[in-house]
Protein backbone atom coordinates (compact mmCIF):
# COMPACT_ATOMS: atom_id res chain seq x y z
CA MET A 1 0.07 -0.02 0.14
CA GLU A 2 1.46 3.15 -0.78
CA TYR A 3 1.12 6.23 1.72
CA VAL A 4 0.61 10.11 0.64
CA PRO A 5 0.08 12.97 2.25
CA LEU A 6 -3.66 14.77 3.05
CA GLY A 7 -3.49 17.68 0.73
CA ASN A 8 -0.68 20.13 1.87
CA THR A 9 -0.54 18.23 5.61
CA GLY A 10 2.07 16.43 6.96
CA LEU A 11 -0.83 13.69 7.49
CA LYS A 12 0.40 10.36 5.86
CA VAL A 13 -3.00 8.08 4.69
CA SER A 14 -3.45 5.03 2.75
CA ARG A 15 -4.49 5.46 -1.24
CA ILE A 16 -7.95 4.07 -0.52
CA CYS A 17 -9.40 4.79 2.65
CA LEU A 18 -12.49 3.03 3.61
CA GLY A 19 -16.15 4.36 4.10
CA CYS A 20 -17.70 3.14 6.89
CA MET A 21 -21.28 4.39 5.76
CA SER A 22 -22.44 0.52 5.13
CA TYR A 23 -21.65 -0.57 9.04
CA GLY A 24 -23.81 0.11 11.54
CA SER A 25 -27.62 -0.97 11.56
CA SER A 26 -29.75 -2.37 8.79
CA LYS A 27 -32.53 -0.20 10.43
CA TRP A 28 -31.07 2.88 9.10
CA ARG A 29 -30.89 1.02 5.35
CA ASP A 30 -31.40 -2.43 4.48
CA TRP A 31 -27.96 -2.77 2.99
CA VAL A 32 -26.27 -1.92 6.10
CA LEU A 33 -24.16 -4.90 7.62
CA GLU A 34 -24.48 -5.02 11.52
CA GLU A 35 -21.60 -4.98 13.59
CA SER A 36 -21.04 -8.47 13.96
CA GLU A 37 -20.69 -8.41 9.83
CA SER A 38 -18.93 -5.45 9.75
CA ILE A 39 -15.28 -6.52 12.18
CA PRO A 40 -14.22 -9.14 8.96
CA PHE A 41 -14.10 -5.80 6.69
CA PHE A 42 -12.00 -3.67 9.11
CA ARG A 43 -9.86 -6.54 9.88
CA GLN A 44 -9.04 -6.95 6.29
CA ALA A 45 -8.51 -3.41 5.14
CA ILE A 46 -6.36 -3.26 8.13
CA GLU A 47 -4.20 -6.19 6.82
CA ALA A 48 -3.97 -4.45 3.60
CA GLY A 49 -2.33 -1.83 4.50
CA ILE A 50 -5.32 0.88 4.72
CA ASN A 51 -5.36 3.05 7.44
CA PHE A 52 -7.75 5.69 6.84
CA PHE A 53 -10.93 5.13 7.95
CA ASP A 54 -14.40 7.99 7.36
CA THR A 55 -17.47 7.95 8.78
CA ALA A 56 -20.10 10.26 9.98
CA ASP A 57 -22.64 11.09 12.54
CA MET A 58 -25.86 10.14 10.68
CA TYR A 59 -24.62 6.95 9.46
CA SER A 60 -27.48 4.76 10.74
CA ALA A 61 -27.97 7.80 13.43
CA GLY A 62 -24.73 7.28 15.20
CA ALA A 63 -23.95 3.58 15.29
CA SER A 64 -21.80 3.69 12.41
CA GLU A 65 -19.10 5.77 14.48
CA GLU A 66 -19.89 3.52 17.40
CA VAL A 67 -19.14 0.27 15.44
CA THR A 68 -16.33 1.99 13.73
CA GLY A 69 -14.41 3.30 17.26
CA ARG A 70 -15.31 -0.53 18.49
CA ALA A 71 -13.79 -2.25 15.48
CA LEU A 72 -10.61 -0.23 16.01
CA LYS A 73 -10.32 -1.09 19.13
CA LYS A 74 -11.21 -4.80 19.27
CA LEU A 75 -8.42 -5.32 15.72
CA GLY A 76 -6.05 -3.98 18.28
CA ALA A 77 -5.28 -0.77 15.83
CA LYS A 78 -2.95 1.40 17.57
CA ARG A 79 -4.28 5.00 17.38
CA GLU A 80 -1.02 6.43 16.23
CA GLN A 81 -1.47 4.26 13.09
CA VAL A 82 -4.82 4.97 12.13
CA VAL A 83 -6.24 7.55 10.34
CA VAL A 84 -10.02 8.40 11.58
CA ALA A 85 -12.47 11.17 10.18
CA THR A 86 -15.73 11.92 10.45
CA LYS A 87 -18.84 14.72 9.47
CA VAL A 88 -21.18 16.55 11.29
CA TYR A 89 -24.40 18.85 9.12
CA ASN A 90 -27.20 16.35 8.76
CA PRO A 91 -30.08 16.22 11.72
CA MET A 92 -29.39 14.31 15.17
CA GLY A 93 -31.94 14.76 16.50
CA GLU A 94 -35.72 16.70 15.87
CA THR A 95 -35.19 20.26 17.09
CA LYS A 96 -33.51 23.53 14.84
CA ASN A 97 -30.25 23.41 16.74
CA GLU A 98 -29.21 19.46 15.99
CA ARG A 99 -28.41 20.15 12.72
CA GLY A 100 -26.30 22.46 10.43
CA THR A 101 -22.70 23.91 11.02
CA SER A 102 -23.62 26.43 13.56
CA LYS A 103 -21.41 27.01 16.72
CA LYS A 104 -23.48 25.42 18.67
CA HIS A 105 -24.08 22.49 16.64
CA ILE A 106 -20.45 21.49 16.10
CA ARG A 107 -19.98 22.15 20.04
CA HIS A 108 -22.10 19.17 20.66
CA ALA A 109 -21.41 17.14 17.61
CA ILE A 110 -18.13 16.71 18.33
CA ASP A 111 -18.03 15.68 21.34
CA ALA A 112 -21.04 13.42 20.78
CA SER A 113 -18.84 11.62 17.82
CA LEU A 114 -15.80 11.70 19.82
CA LYS A 115 -17.70 9.51 22.72
CA ARG A 116 -19.59 7.26 20.02
CA LEU A 117 -16.64 6.74 18.79
CA ASP A 118 -14.76 6.08 22.35
CA LEU A 119 -11.47 8.48 21.14
CA ASP A 120 -9.70 11.75 22.36
CA TYR A 121 -9.57 13.57 19.25
CA VAL A 122 -10.66 12.93 15.36
CA ASP A 123 -7.70 12.88 12.48
CA LEU A 124 -9.89 14.97 10.16
CA TYR A 125 -13.10 16.46 11.11
CA GLN A 126 -15.58 17.68 7.93
CA ILE A 127 -18.99 19.47 7.35
CA HIS A 128 -21.02 16.88 5.19
CA ARG A 129 -22.25 19.81 3.10
CA TYR A 130 -22.79 23.81 3.38
CA ASP A 131 -25.10 25.22 5.75
CA SER A 132 -26.39 28.06 4.17
CA THR A 133 -28.40 29.34 6.93
CA THR A 134 -25.04 29.99 9.44
CA PRO A 135 -22.47 32.28 8.17
CA MET A 136 -19.32 31.01 6.69
CA GLU A 137 -17.24 32.25 9.78
CA GLU A 138 -19.44 31.13 12.15
CA THR A 139 -18.96 27.77 10.66
CA LEU A 140 -14.78 28.25 10.23
CA GLU A 141 -14.76 29.46 13.74
CA ALA A 142 -16.70 26.69 15.49
CA LEU A 143 -14.46 24.13 13.80
CA THR A 144 -11.09 26.26 14.71
CA ASP A 145 -12.08 25.95 18.25
CA VAL A 146 -12.45 22.36 18.07
CA ILE A 147 -8.90 22.32 16.80
CA ASN A 148 -7.77 24.36 19.35
CA GLN A 149 -9.66 21.83 21.76
CA GLY A 150 -7.47 19.31 20.87
CA LYS A 151 -10.63 16.86 19.56
CA ALA A 152 -9.47 17.13 15.87
CA LEU A 153 -6.13 17.55 14.10
CA TYR A 154 -7.52 18.74 10.67
CA ILE A 155 -10.71 20.10 8.70
CA GLY A 156 -12.46 18.99 5.30
CA ALA A 157 -15.35 19.73 3.53
CA SER A 158 -17.87 17.88 1.48
CA SER A 159 -19.95 18.73 -1.52
CA MET A 160 -20.79 22.12 -2.16
CA TYR A 161 -20.17 24.26 -5.60
CA ALA A 162 -16.66 25.34 -6.04
CA TRP A 163 -17.21 28.92 -5.59
CA GLN A 164 -18.64 28.53 -1.62
CA PHE A 165 -15.23 26.50 -1.19
CA ALA A 166 -13.68 28.85 -2.45
CA LYS A 167 -14.78 31.74 -0.15
CA PHE A 168 -14.14 29.43 2.58
CA LEU A 169 -10.64 29.53 2.02
CA HIS A 170 -10.24 32.66 1.52
CA LEU A 171 -12.31 33.77 4.84
CA ALA A 172 -10.06 31.12 6.86
CA ASN A 173 -6.79 33.01 5.33
CA GLN A 174 -8.24 36.19 5.78
CA GLN A 175 -9.11 36.09 9.04
CA GLY A 176 -6.82 33.46 10.69
CA TYR A 177 -9.27 30.45 11.29
CA ALA A 178 -8.12 26.98 10.45
CA ARG A 179 -7.70 26.12 6.64
CA PHE A 180 -10.22 22.92 5.21
CA VAL A 181 -7.26 20.44 3.80
CA SER A 182 -9.80 18.13 2.48
CA MET A 183 -12.44 18.21 -0.10
CA GLN A 184 -14.50 15.17 -0.22
CA ASN A 185 -16.46 15.45 -3.10
CA HIS A 186 -18.77 13.48 -5.74
CA TYR A 187 -17.09 12.59 -8.75
CA ASN A 188 -16.21 9.35 -10.58
CA LEU A 189 -16.17 8.14 -14.24
CA VAL A 190 -19.99 8.52 -14.59
CA TYR A 191 -20.06 12.13 -12.47
CA ARG A 192 -17.12 14.46 -13.90
CA GLU A 193 -18.46 18.10 -13.67
CA GLU A 194 -16.12 18.40 -10.31
CA GLU A 195 -13.39 18.55 -13.18
CA ARG A 196 -14.50 21.96 -14.37
CA GLU A 197 -14.05 24.07 -11.10
CA MET A 198 -13.55 22.34 -8.07
CA ASN A 199 -10.65 19.62 -8.62
CA PRO A 200 -8.68 22.16 -10.10
CA LEU A 201 -9.94 24.87 -7.75
CA CYS A 202 -8.15 21.84 -4.49
CA ARG A 203 -4.96 21.26 -6.49
CA ALA A 204 -4.07 25.32 -7.19
CA GLU A 205 -4.80 25.87 -2.95
CA GLY A 206 -2.98 22.10 -2.25
CA VAL A 207 -6.60 20.66 -0.64
CA GLY A 208 -6.59 16.75 -1.17
CA LEU A 209 -9.28 15.01 -2.99
CA ILE A 210 -10.95 12.42 -1.03
CA PRO A 211 -13.81 11.06 -3.65
CA TRP A 212 -16.66 9.66 -2.55
CA SER A 213 -18.88 7.18 -4.65
CA PRO A 214 -15.82 6.20 -6.71
CA LEU A 215 -17.86 3.55 -8.27
CA ALA A 216 -21.27 5.74 -8.47
CA ARG A 217 -22.36 3.63 -5.78
CA GLY A 218 -21.74 0.20 -7.30
CA PHE A 219 -22.94 1.39 -11.08
CA LEU A 220 -19.97 1.03 -12.47
CA ALA A 221 -19.46 -2.67 -11.02
CA GLY A 222 -21.46 -3.45 -14.35
CA ASN A 223 -24.03 -5.12 -12.80
CA ARG A 224 -27.06 -2.67 -12.97
CA ARG A 225 -30.17 -2.87 -15.38
CA PRO A 226 -32.51 0.11 -16.73
CA GLU A 227 -35.72 -2.07 -16.00
CA ASP A 228 -35.03 -3.61 -12.55
CA LYS A 229 -31.64 -1.64 -11.05
CA GLY A 230 -30.03 -4.55 -10.52
CA GLU A 231 -29.64 -7.44 -7.88
CA THR A 232 -28.55 -6.73 -5.28
CA ILE A 233 -30.32 -5.37 -1.60
CA ARG A 234 -28.51 -2.05 -2.57
CA ALA A 235 -28.88 -1.66 -5.78
CA LYS A 236 -32.98 -1.94 -5.93
CA SER A 237 -33.41 0.02 -2.51
CA ASP A 238 -30.52 2.86 -2.56
CA GLU A 239 -33.03 5.52 -4.17
CA PHE A 240 -30.08 8.19 -3.14
CA ALA A 241 -28.13 6.22 -6.19
CA HIS A 242 -31.04 5.96 -8.78
CA GLY A 243 -31.31 9.62 -8.74
CA LEU A 244 -27.96 10.37 -9.65
CA TYR A 245 -27.21 7.92 -11.92
CA TYR A 246 -29.10 5.23 -14.42
CA LYS A 247 -28.94 8.05 -17.28
CA GLU A 248 -28.84 5.98 -21.12
CA ASP A 249 -25.31 8.25 -21.58
CA ASP A 250 -24.09 6.85 -17.80
CA PHE A 251 -24.58 3.27 -19.19
CA GLN A 252 -22.53 4.07 -22.49
CA VAL A 253 -19.95 4.67 -20.19
CA VAL A 254 -20.35 1.05 -17.61
CA GLU A 255 -19.90 -0.26 -21.62
CA LYS A 256 -16.48 1.21 -22.04
CA VAL A 257 -15.11 -0.07 -18.56
CA THR A 258 -16.67 -2.98 -19.30
CA GLU A 259 -15.22 -3.68 -22.60
CA LEU A 260 -11.83 -2.40 -20.70
CA ALA A 261 -12.05 -4.96 -17.74
CA LYS A 262 -12.30 -7.80 -19.84
CA LYS A 263 -9.36 -6.93 -22.13
CA ARG A 264 -7.52 -6.37 -18.76
CA SER A 265 -9.08 -9.92 -17.55
CA VAL A 266 -10.15 -7.86 -14.43
CA PRO A 267 -13.40 -6.94 -12.39
CA ASN A 268 -15.12 -3.75 -13.73
CA ALA A 269 -14.33 -2.25 -10.41
CA GLN A 270 -10.59 -2.31 -10.53
CA ILE A 271 -10.99 -0.38 -13.74
CA ALA A 272 -12.71 2.33 -12.54
CA LEU A 273 -11.02 3.20 -9.78
CA ALA A 274 -7.97 2.96 -11.10
CA TRP A 275 -9.19 5.65 -13.29
CA VAL A 276 -10.04 7.98 -10.47
CA LEU A 277 -6.65 7.46 -8.76
CA HIS A 278 -4.97 8.25 -11.71
CA GLN A 279 -6.80 11.83 -11.80
CA PRO A 280 -4.53 14.56 -10.86
CA GLY A 281 -5.00 16.01 -7.28
CA VAL A 282 -6.76 12.32 -5.67
CA THR A 283 -5.51 11.98 -2.68
CA ALA A 284 -7.82 8.79 -2.03
CA PRO A 285 -11.10 7.68 -2.84
CA ILE A 286 -13.16 6.14 -0.18
CA ILE A 287 -14.63 2.96 -1.11
CA GLY A 288 -17.26 1.05 0.54
CA ALA A 289 -17.27 -2.58 1.30
CA THR A 290 -19.88 -5.44 1.75
CA LYS A 291 -18.48 -8.54 0.10
CA THR A 292 -14.71 -9.32 0.42
CA ARG A 293 -13.79 -8.13 -3.68
CA HIS A 294 -14.38 -5.02 -2.76
CA ILE A 295 -11.31 -4.39 -0.86
CA GLU A 296 -9.70 -6.76 -2.55
CA ASP A 297 -10.48 -4.71 -5.84
CA ALA A 298 -9.40 -1.27 -4.19
CA VAL A 299 -5.95 -2.94 -3.45
CA LYS A 300 -5.49 -4.26 -6.68
CA ALA A 301 -6.67 -0.75 -8.42
CA ALA A 302 -4.21 1.17 -6.26
CA GLU A 303 -1.46 -0.60 -8.09
CA LEU A 304 -3.22 -1.27 -12.09
CA LYS A 305 -1.87 1.29 -14.59
CA LEU A 306 -4.13 2.65 -16.68
CA THR A 307 -2.19 3.82 -20.51
CA SER A 308 -3.04 7.44 -21.97
CA ASP A 309 -5.14 5.76 -24.59
CA GLU A 310 -7.24 4.48 -22.16
CA ILE A 311 -8.05 6.69 -20.02
CA ALA A 312 -9.36 8.45 -23.21
CA THR A 313 -11.29 5.49 -23.88
CA LEU A 314 -12.92 5.43 -20.78
CA GLU A 315 -13.72 9.04 -20.58
CA ALA A 316 -15.27 9.12 -24.39
CA PRO A 317 -19.12 8.32 -23.62
CA TYR A 318 -19.32 11.08 -21.09
CA LYS A 319 -22.04 13.30 -21.51
CA PRO A 320 -22.29 16.75 -19.36
CA HIS A 321 -24.63 16.52 -15.82
CA PRO A 322 -27.05 18.50 -13.92
CA ILE A 323 -25.03 19.51 -10.54
CA LEU A 324 -25.55 16.05 -8.17
CA GLY A 325 -24.78 15.45 -4.94
CA HIS A 326 -24.57 18.54 -3.43
CA SER A 327 -27.59 18.06 -0.94
CA TYR A 328 -28.59 14.72 0.71
């Protein structure tokens, strides 16, 4: 496994990040694994050299953080050896102050996340989305407090418009607030709108890209169908994915992935992930794993080299999309 700096920091992370949304409680989503089913995937990831784990307070209504924290401890992962990231923004209660990125919510949310994770600090604390109801200065001040209190080492952000992220970075520089070191954005072979503004902005500013859904929530695996969405429980029930993908043009991209995968004698997932890993500025795509082969494919994808002609062939069918993924 290769380890690289997270953006313009000294923190070294594996080229693959294990996303922990799939672990927690099936009561939240029917495709989510319970704790006992989740442990083997953490073990497999650690044994493969993955040191980067990403979760969020909203995943399984907090259970994902609990499972992640317990799994890492159960498997004997030393705190100095693992990089743990979590996120804040989505509702964690019924009232108006139990959501967003206000100073009040961030103060409560970081403490609640640390309690669920059973950690003294997280390595990376991210805003899950941009909160238009809270001034950017307030959000940055609250996140700076989190760092100053020793509850997080770095801060990051997730999907938003590039102008919004640029304003956050400008305010941090201007006012002396902590600066975002990473952008967790929606980026894969069937959704490449981030190449227009966000990715170039992050490269110019030294911000690491850690894309979510690098396999388009499994769509690029090649087992999805327009008529019934696919065979797996997640393929059939993931309404969020149904709203993002499944256009005719998207299936044409998958065809190119499938053709190259057959030529290379590897699964679609390895080709699609390798493409993401070849993109400039990408630090570590965040992959989900509910089958042993998912982590195996991710690790092999990190070693798979694509030619410039192969990359051009994969990219050729792409058609522009409307902005997708900024709301959860």
